[in-house]
Structures are given as structure tokens and as C-alpha cells.
Amino acid sequence: MVLIASTCGVAYYNTVYRWRAYTRVVDAFLTAAAHADTAALRGAAIDSTLVTQILATSPPTLERLRQSMRLRWGMRNGDTVVLDYATAVPGCYQTHLTRKDASWRVASAAMEPC
């Protein structure tokens, strides 16, 4: 009985830890964008096109978005993770993460209708 409870507890902890790690990647990406830190953005994004797109958004909007994000749902399939957030900015924010060089990076990020 104790073994089952501890196994379930470990599985739950690993799941929560994993999803928090994914959301930290998105938070770091948006923080770097709000501060126009292109070096950090290049490290967090898959390609430079995404960096150019996110830098076109005003820093106050990015900061408001980052601070108001609440995870609605997430899905992982192999080396791809999709995260969908509700925000104070109109619409929902959806990001796609991809594993590259043993770390997770933002492959795409966009506002979507809820």
C-alpha cells in the first residue's frame, strides 16, 4: 500500500515539475522579449524569425501578457509540447516548444482566439 502511494506521489511530482519547467521556458522567452534581450531570445527560440516577430510587439504588452498568463491546457507528443494560456490581453496565447540540443525552445508563439 505504501509502495503504491509513494509511486503515485513520485509520478505526480514528476508531472507537475515537467509542466512547470515548460512554462518557465515560455516565461523566460517573454521576459527576454520584454527587455529586448536578443541574445537570450536567440537561446530560447528555435529560429531568428520568431525573435524578429516577438520584438515587433511593444514591451508593455509583452510584460502584461507574461504577468497575466494562466495555463489552460497543455499537450506533449514526443519532442513537441503545446501550451495554451488564458491572458489579460485579449485572446489566448499559444506556444509550441520543441526539444533541440537537449533543451526545450520556443518554436512558435501567437495570440489565438479563445
Foldseek 3Di string as FASTA:
>chain_A
DVVVVVVVVVVVVVVVVVVVQVLVLVLQLLVCLLVVVLVSNVVQAPDCVQVVVSVVDHSVVSVQFSVFWDWPDKDDDVQKIKTWTDGPPAAIKIWIWGDDPNDIHTHDIDGHHD
